[in-house]
Amino acid sequence: MKQCIRYVLTDDQVQLAWAEAGRGPPLVKAATWLTHLQYDLESPVWAHWIRFFAEHFRYIRYDERGCGMSDRNAGDLAQEHWLEDLETVIDAAAIDRPAALLGISQGAATAIRYAVRHPQRVSHLILYGGYAVGGLKTDDAQRRALYQAVMEVVGIGWGSNNPAFRQLFTARFVPQGTQPQLDWFNDLCRNTTSAANARALLQARGNVDVRELLAQVRVPTLVLHSCNDQIAPLSQGRWLASHIPGARFVQLDSHNHVLLEHEPAWNEFREAVLEFTGLADAEAAAEAGLIAALTARERMALRLLCEGRSNAQIGWQLGIAEKTVRNHVSSLYRKLGVRSRAEAIVLAHRQHPPESSG
């Protein structure tokens, strides 16, 4: 994956690192917990998120102050800076049209604030695993006590060589993760921020409260939430969806706060985002146009590929040499913008799904 990383200076002289990748309509991700613009490209936790959005959008993201490649010595890490930092990055990106805005976890609060202040600059608001009220502000005594306990653990053991302290924290993000994924997350903790910053950032997140802003949101909104999320309870996702006018709600079958690539919920998330932003229809129309541009013989070869025929079998069916079949297949790959038989079959099935045998 190719990306371009730049820096921008905030009004209070903090350097923010931001990156863009991909082409298409703009989509900006508000800063979320534990990111590093460079390390995330190879991450078993975040790489598939970046790949998906960069394949469909001009995807813009940034490391929040105090974290990743942004200024680690940023001083005040209070949530009052979150909205201004997002505004600074969006201005630096020189986006020339309304952009989709993605808020994950505490990034949902920042995205909501931006959508309320700048509705004309937001085309779609996508909130995943978000919450309206943080763990220190909640009326839920158990959630509040757990949040305070996590803050104490982070303050004591974040920089320790013993990963057990950090894993108490990170395992709640991806409880269904593999050990390599958990190990990567544990390493990211130390690589992306200091213990003091981590505790300050958790304090800021715990004090989030955007409940009074929800009714003021006037942009199309999609709320997605994992049903067994241990970081942000499902009730928080439902609260967002029920208090933002006209919001759509999608409940995902997962225990993970950060969806992993192998789980069905990740496919559901992608499909919901593409449908909501209108890209599913646009891409389907574009694919239909590509198939229509094939010659009759190329379309026949594509149909036979989908039936699992070999080049020799296709040649026999069409009455042409196997070498000619290879030429036709190479031509249709080029016209469809795919690199393999499997990709060509997937594209063809999206246009003409196979009939159910049931």
Protein backbone atom coordinates (compact mmCIF):
# COMPACT_ATOMS: atom_id res chain seq x y z
CA MET A 1 0.00 0.00 0.00
CA LYS A 2 1.30 3.43 -0.93
CA GLN A 3 0.62 6.41 1.26
CA CYS A 4 1.88 9.96 1.55
CA ILE A 5 2.64 11.25 5.06
CA ARG A 6 2.75 14.97 5.80
CA TYR A 7 2.87 17.22 8.87
CA VAL A 8 0.71 20.18 9.77
CA LEU A 9 1.12 22.62 12.66
CA THR A 10 -1.86 23.38 14.88
CA ASP A 11 -2.65 26.82 16.28
CA ASP A 12 -1.05 25.80 19.60
CA GLN A 13 2.14 24.66 17.80
CA VAL A 14 1.63 20.88 17.92
CA GLN A 15 2.85 18.89 14.92
CA LEU A 16 0.22 16.45 13.64
CA ALA A 17 1.21 13.67 11.23
CA TRP A 18 -1.45 12.84 8.64
CA ALA A 19 -1.54 10.48 5.69
CA GLU A 20 -3.57 9.86 2.59
CA ALA A 21 -3.87 6.80 0.40
CA GLY A 22 -6.08 5.77 -2.49
CA ARG A 23 -8.28 7.66 -4.90
CA GLY A 24 -11.96 8.40 -5.05
CA PRO A 25 -14.39 10.38 -2.94
CA PRO A 26 -12.74 11.73 0.22
CA LEU A 27 -13.17 9.91 3.53
CA VAL A 28 -11.53 11.23 6.69
CA LYS A 29 -11.03 9.16 9.84
CA ALA A 30 -11.07 11.09 13.10
CA ALA A 31 -8.14 10.09 15.32
CA THR A 32 -8.69 7.01 17.43
CA TRP A 33 -6.81 5.10 20.09
CA LEU A 34 -3.47 3.45 19.37
CA THR A 35 -2.44 4.26 15.82
CA HIS A 36 0.88 4.81 14.10
CA LEU A 37 0.68 5.92 10.47
CA GLN A 38 3.69 3.84 9.42
CA TYR A 39 3.37 0.73 11.59
CA ASP A 40 -0.34 0.35 10.85
CA LEU A 41 0.35 -0.51 7.20
CA GLU A 42 1.81 -3.85 8.32
CA SER A 43 -0.52 -4.33 11.25
CA PRO A 44 -2.56 -7.55 11.64
CA VAL A 45 -5.13 -5.37 13.41
CA TRP A 46 -5.36 -2.21 11.24
CA ALA A 47 -3.91 -3.03 7.79
CA HIS A 48 -7.16 -4.43 6.35
CA TRP A 49 -9.02 -1.29 7.46
CA ILE A 50 -6.55 0.93 5.61
CA ARG A 51 -6.59 -1.34 2.55
CA PHE A 52 -10.39 -1.36 2.34
CA PHE A 53 -10.82 2.39 2.61
CA ALA A 54 -7.89 3.16 0.28
CA GLU A 55 -9.36 0.86 -2.37
CA HIS A 56 -12.59 2.87 -2.49
CA PHE A 57 -11.83 6.37 -1.21
CA ARG A 58 -9.21 9.06 -0.93
CA TYR A 59 -8.57 7.91 2.62
CA ILE A 60 -7.19 10.47 5.07
CA ARG A 61 -6.17 9.65 8.63
CA TYR A 62 -3.87 11.08 11.29
CA ASP A 63 -2.18 10.21 14.56
CA GLU A 64 -3.64 12.18 17.44
CA ARG A 65 -1.47 14.53 19.45
CA GLY A 66 0.73 12.60 21.86
CA CYS A 67 0.67 9.43 19.75
CA GLY A 68 2.26 7.70 16.79
CA MET A 69 4.14 10.00 14.45
CA SER A 70 2.49 13.15 15.82
CA ASP A 71 4.11 15.29 18.50
CA ARG A 72 4.65 13.11 21.59
CA ASN A 73 5.41 16.13 23.80
CA ALA A 74 2.15 17.88 23.02
CA GLY A 75 1.46 19.06 26.55
CA ASP A 76 -2.29 19.28 27.07
CA LEU A 77 -4.05 16.17 25.70
CA ALA A 78 -7.56 17.14 26.77
CA GLN A 79 -10.49 16.41 24.46
CA GLU A 80 -11.00 20.13 23.87
CA HIS A 81 -8.29 19.87 21.19
CA TRP A 82 -9.83 16.97 19.27
CA LEU A 83 -12.20 18.97 17.10
CA GLU A 84 -9.61 21.64 16.26
CA ASP A 85 -7.07 18.96 15.34
CA LEU A 86 -9.55 17.31 12.95
CA GLU A 87 -10.34 20.70 11.41
CA THR A 88 -6.61 21.36 10.97
CA VAL A 89 -6.03 18.08 9.14
CA ILE A 90 -9.07 18.49 6.88
CA ASP A 91 -7.96 22.01 5.97
CA ALA A 92 -4.43 20.77 5.25
CA ALA A 93 -5.81 18.05 2.96
CA ALA A 94 -7.49 20.75 0.81
CA ILE A 95 -10.60 18.62 0.24
CA ASP A 96 -12.66 20.26 -2.50
CA ARG A 97 -16.08 18.72 -1.76
CA PRO A 98 -18.09 17.34 1.17
CA ALA A 99 -16.29 14.34 2.64
CA ALA A 100 -17.42 11.20 4.41
CA LEU A 101 -16.35 11.26 8.05
CA LEU A 102 -15.43 8.10 9.97
CA GLY A 103 -15.53 8.05 13.76
CA ILE A 104 -14.31 4.89 15.50
CA SER A 105 -14.53 4.53 19.29
CA GLN A 106 -13.81 7.95 20.85
CA GLY A 107 -13.36 9.29 17.32
CA ALA A 108 -17.16 9.14 17.07
CA ALA A 109 -17.45 12.06 19.50
CA THR A 110 -15.00 14.12 17.43
CA ALA A 111 -16.79 13.26 14.20
CA ILE A 112 -20.16 14.23 15.72
CA ARG A 113 -18.78 17.57 16.88
CA TYR A 114 -17.36 18.27 13.43
CA ALA A 115 -20.62 17.29 11.67
CA VAL A 116 -22.58 19.64 13.93
CA ARG A 117 -20.18 22.55 13.38
CA HIS A 118 -19.59 21.95 9.65
CA PRO A 119 -22.63 20.13 8.22
CA GLN A 120 -21.99 21.55 4.75
CA ARG A 121 -18.57 19.84 4.66
CA VAL A 122 -19.80 16.34 5.57
CA SER A 123 -21.45 14.06 3.00
CA HIS A 124 -21.82 10.98 5.24
CA LEU A 125 -21.17 10.33 8.93
CA ILE A 126 -20.05 6.77 9.75
CA LEU A 127 -19.77 5.82 13.44
CA TYR A 128 -18.37 2.45 14.49
CA GLY A 129 -17.94 1.26 18.09
CA GLY A 130 -18.68 4.78 19.24
CA TYR A 131 -20.10 6.19 22.44
CA ALA A 132 -21.87 9.36 23.49
CA VAL A 133 -20.67 9.27 27.08
CA GLY A 134 -17.29 8.07 28.40
CA GLY A 135 -16.52 5.59 31.14
CA LEU A 136 -15.96 8.26 33.80
CA LYS A 137 -19.20 10.10 32.99
CA THR A 138 -21.48 7.08 32.71
CA ASP A 139 -24.33 6.37 35.11
CA ASP A 140 -23.36 2.69 34.95
CA ALA A 141 -21.41 2.15 38.20
CA GLN A 142 -19.82 -1.09 36.99
CA ARG A 143 -18.61 0.44 33.74
CA ARG A 144 -17.24 3.45 35.65
CA ALA A 145 -15.39 1.26 38.15
CA LEU A 146 -13.89 -0.87 35.38
CA TYR A 147 -12.72 2.21 33.52
CA GLN A 148 -11.01 3.60 36.62
CA ALA A 149 -9.32 0.24 37.20
CA VAL A 150 -8.00 0.16 33.63
CA MET A 151 -6.57 3.66 34.08
CA GLU A 152 -4.72 2.51 37.22
CA VAL A 153 -3.27 -0.53 35.41
CA VAL A 154 -2.15 1.64 32.49
CA GLY A 155 -0.49 4.11 34.84
CA ILE A 156 1.42 1.34 36.64
CA GLY A 157 2.47 -1.02 33.89
CA TRP A 158 2.37 0.65 30.46
CA GLY A 159 6.12 0.97 30.05
CA SER A 160 6.95 -2.30 31.78
CA ASN A 161 8.86 -5.07 30.00
CA ASN A 162 6.15 -7.42 31.22
CA PRO A 163 3.38 -7.33 28.56
CA ALA A 164 0.81 -8.68 31.03
CA PHE A 165 -0.07 -5.15 32.14
CA ARG A 166 -0.72 -3.98 28.61
CA GLN A 167 -2.52 -7.16 27.62
CA LEU A 168 -5.11 -6.57 30.36
CA PHE A 169 -5.89 -3.44 28.36
CA THR A 170 -5.43 -4.59 24.76
CA ALA A 171 -7.24 -7.93 25.09
CA ARG A 172 -10.49 -6.02 25.54
CA PHE A 173 -10.01 -4.47 22.08
CA VAL A 174 -9.62 -7.79 20.24
CA PRO A 175 -10.72 -10.58 22.61
CA GLN A 176 -11.07 -12.92 19.62
CA GLY A 177 -7.62 -12.03 18.30
CA THR A 178 -4.80 -14.50 17.76
CA GLN A 179 -1.69 -14.35 19.91
CA PRO A 180 0.32 -12.64 17.10
CA GLN A 181 -2.40 -9.99 16.86
CA LEU A 182 -2.38 -9.46 20.63
CA ASP A 183 1.44 -9.35 20.64
CA TRP A 184 1.38 -6.69 17.92
CA PHE A 185 -1.17 -4.65 19.86
CA ASN A 186 0.93 -4.94 23.03
CA ASP A 187 4.02 -3.73 21.17
CA LEU A 188 2.06 -0.87 19.63
CA CYS A 189 1.19 0.37 23.10
CA ARG A 190 4.81 1.16 23.89
CA ASN A 191 5.70 2.20 20.33
CA THR A 192 2.92 4.73 19.92
CA THR A 193 2.86 6.70 23.20
CA SER A 194 4.25 7.03 26.71
CA ALA A 195 2.65 5.80 29.93
CA ALA A 196 1.91 9.37 31.02
CA ASN A 197 0.28 10.18 27.69
CA ALA A 198 -1.71 6.94 27.72
CA ARG A 199 -3.20 7.74 31.11
CA ALA A 200 -3.98 11.34 30.11
CA LEU A 201 -5.65 10.18 26.90
CA LEU A 202 -7.72 7.63 28.81
CA GLN A 203 -8.75 10.37 31.23
CA ALA A 204 -9.89 12.53 28.31
CA ARG A 205 -11.83 9.66 26.76
CA GLY A 206 -13.51 8.86 30.04
CA ASN A 207 -14.87 12.40 30.24
CA VAL A 208 -16.48 12.41 26.78
CA ASP A 209 -20.10 13.54 26.74
CA VAL A 210 -21.74 14.54 23.44
CA ARG A 211 -25.30 13.57 24.32
CA GLU A 212 -26.58 17.12 23.92
CA LEU A 213 -25.16 17.34 20.38
CA LEU A 214 -26.82 14.24 18.91
CA ALA A 215 -30.14 15.89 18.06
CA GLN A 216 -28.22 18.61 16.18
CA VAL A 217 -26.68 16.22 13.64
CA ARG A 218 -28.14 16.99 10.20
CA VAL A 219 -26.10 14.76 7.89
CA PRO A 220 -26.81 11.17 6.77
CA THR A 221 -25.51 8.91 9.54
CA LEU A 222 -24.69 5.21 9.75
CA VAL A 223 -24.06 3.66 13.18
CA LEU A 224 -22.40 0.23 13.36
CA HIS A 225 -21.66 -1.60 16.59
CA SER A 226 -20.43 -5.04 17.65
CA CYS A 227 -22.97 -6.78 19.85
CA ASN A 228 -20.38 -7.93 22.42
CA ASP A 229 -18.02 -4.95 22.35
CA GLN A 230 -16.10 -4.80 25.66
CA ILE A 231 -14.83 -1.24 25.18
CA ALA A 232 -18.04 0.51 24.17
CA PRO A 233 -21.20 -1.36 25.22
CA LEU A 234 -23.83 -2.08 22.58
CA SER A 235 -26.17 0.22 24.48
CA GLN A 236 -23.93 3.14 23.50
CA GLY A 237 -24.30 2.35 19.81
CA ARG A 238 -28.05 2.09 20.18
CA TRP A 239 -28.10 5.40 22.05
CA LEU A 240 -26.26 7.12 19.19
CA ALA A 241 -28.57 5.65 16.56
CA SER A 242 -31.75 6.47 18.47
CA HIS A 243 -30.80 10.10 19.22
CA ILE A 244 -29.27 11.13 15.87
CA PRO A 245 -32.14 12.06 13.54
CA GLY A 246 -32.63 9.51 10.76
CA ALA A 247 -29.56 7.44 11.64
CA ARG A 248 -29.31 3.90 10.30
CA PHE A 249 -28.16 1.18 12.71
CA VAL A 250 -26.28 -2.04 11.91
CA GLN A 251 -25.55 -4.54 14.69
CA LEU A 252 -22.52 -6.71 13.98
CA ASP A 253 -21.97 -10.18 15.42
CA SER A 254 -18.55 -9.76 17.01
CA HIS A 255 -16.80 -9.50 20.37
CA ASN A 256 -14.07 -7.26 18.93
CA HIS A 257 -13.90 -3.50 19.31
CA VAL A 258 -11.58 -3.48 16.29
CA LEU A 259 -12.99 -5.86 13.67
CA LEU A 260 -10.51 -8.46 12.45
CA GLU A 261 -10.15 -9.38 8.79
CA HIS A 262 -11.18 -13.03 9.08
CA GLU A 263 -14.52 -12.50 10.81
CA PRO A 264 -17.87 -12.29 8.96
CA ALA A 265 -18.66 -9.02 10.75
CA TRP A 266 -15.85 -7.35 8.80
CA ASN A 267 -17.53 -8.24 5.49
CA GLU A 268 -20.85 -6.94 6.83
CA PHE A 269 -19.15 -3.71 7.86
CA ARG A 270 -17.64 -3.18 4.40
CA GLU A 271 -20.88 -3.93 2.59
CA ALA A 272 -22.82 -1.55 4.84
CA VAL A 273 -20.31 1.28 4.32
CA LEU A 274 -20.27 0.89 0.53
CA GLU A 275 -24.05 0.77 0.36
CA PHE A 276 -24.46 3.77 2.67
CA THR A 277 -21.99 5.94 0.76
CA GLY A 278 -23.48 4.95 -2.61
CA LEU A 279 -20.29 3.32 -3.83
CA ALA A 280 -21.84 -0.14 -4.08
CA ASP A 281 -24.23 1.01 -6.82
CA ALA A 282 -21.58 3.15 -8.52
CA GLU A 283 -19.05 0.33 -8.60
CA ALA A 284 -21.66 -2.14 -9.81
CA ALA A 285 -22.55 0.21 -12.66
CA ALA A 286 -18.88 0.61 -13.55
CA GLU A 287 -18.35 -3.16 -13.53
CA ALA A 288 -21.42 -3.64 -15.72
CA GLY A 289 -19.93 -1.18 -18.19
CA LEU A 290 -16.63 -3.07 -18.22
CA ILE A 291 -18.35 -6.37 -18.98
CA ALA A 292 -20.48 -4.74 -21.68
CA ALA A 293 -17.28 -3.52 -23.35
CA LEU A 294 -15.97 -7.09 -23.79
CA THR A 295 -16.24 -8.74 -27.16
CA ALA A 296 -18.76 -11.56 -27.58
CA ARG A 297 -15.94 -14.12 -27.47
CA GLU A 298 -14.42 -12.55 -24.35
CA ARG A 299 -17.81 -12.63 -22.63
CA MET A 300 -18.17 -16.30 -23.54
CA ALA A 301 -14.69 -17.00 -22.20
CA LEU A 302 -15.62 -15.21 -18.96
CA ARG A 303 -18.78 -17.31 -18.61
CA LEU A 304 -16.78 -20.51 -19.09
CA LEU A 305 -14.17 -19.32 -16.58
CA CYS A 306 -16.97 -18.90 -14.06
CA GLU A 307 -18.03 -22.49 -14.74
CA GLY A 308 -14.55 -23.65 -13.77
CA ARG A 309 -13.38 -24.64 -17.26
CA SER A 310 -9.68 -24.85 -18.06
CA ASN A 311 -8.15 -22.99 -21.00
CA ALA A 312 -8.07 -26.23 -22.97
CA GLN A 313 -11.76 -26.86 -22.28
CA ILE A 314 -12.63 -23.29 -23.23
CA GLY A 315 -10.71 -23.69 -26.47
CA TRP A 316 -12.58 -26.89 -27.29
CA GLN A 317 -15.94 -25.22 -26.49
CA LEU A 318 -15.18 -22.18 -28.64
CA GLY A 319 -13.38 -24.08 -31.41
CA ILE A 320 -10.13 -22.13 -31.01
CA ALA A 321 -6.57 -22.96 -30.02
CA GLU A 322 -5.56 -22.94 -26.36
CA LYS A 323 -3.01 -20.20 -27.12
CA THR A 324 -5.83 -18.05 -28.54
CA VAL A 325 -7.82 -18.66 -25.36
CA ARG A 326 -4.89 -17.37 -23.31
CA ASN A 327 -4.84 -14.22 -25.43
CA HIS A 328 -8.60 -13.73 -24.93
CA VAL A 329 -8.28 -14.29 -21.20
CA SER A 330 -5.38 -11.84 -20.90
CA SER A 331 -7.40 -9.27 -22.85
CA LEU A 332 -10.47 -9.62 -20.64
CA TYR A 333 -8.33 -9.41 -17.48
CA ARG A 334 -6.89 -6.14 -18.78
CA LYS A 335 -10.30 -4.72 -19.72
CA LEU A 336 -11.83 -5.71 -16.36
CA GLY A 337 -8.90 -4.39 -14.36
CA VAL A 338 -8.29 -7.73 -12.61
CA ARG A 339 -5.15 -9.80 -12.19
CA SER A 340 -6.37 -13.35 -11.89
CA ARG A 341 -9.07 -15.85 -12.76
CA ALA A 342 -10.39 -15.62 -9.18
CA GLU A 343 -10.79 -11.83 -9.36
CA ALA A 344 -12.53 -12.08 -12.75
CA ILE A 345 -14.96 -14.65 -11.35
CA VAL A 346 -15.74 -12.52 -8.30
CA LEU A 347 -16.46 -9.50 -10.50
CA ALA A 348 -18.66 -11.53 -12.85
CA HIS A 349 -20.61 -13.02 -9.94
CA ARG A 350 -21.24 -9.56 -8.52
CA GLN A 351 -22.90 -8.66 -11.81
CA HIS A 352 -24.73 -11.98 -12.27
CA PRO A 353 -24.93 -13.87 -8.94
CA PRO A 354 -25.25 -17.63 -9.42
CA GLU A 355 -28.76 -18.92 -8.86
CA SER A 356 -29.40 -20.67 -5.55
CA SER A 357 -29.82 -24.40 -5.77
CA GLY A 358 -32.39 -24.21 -2.99
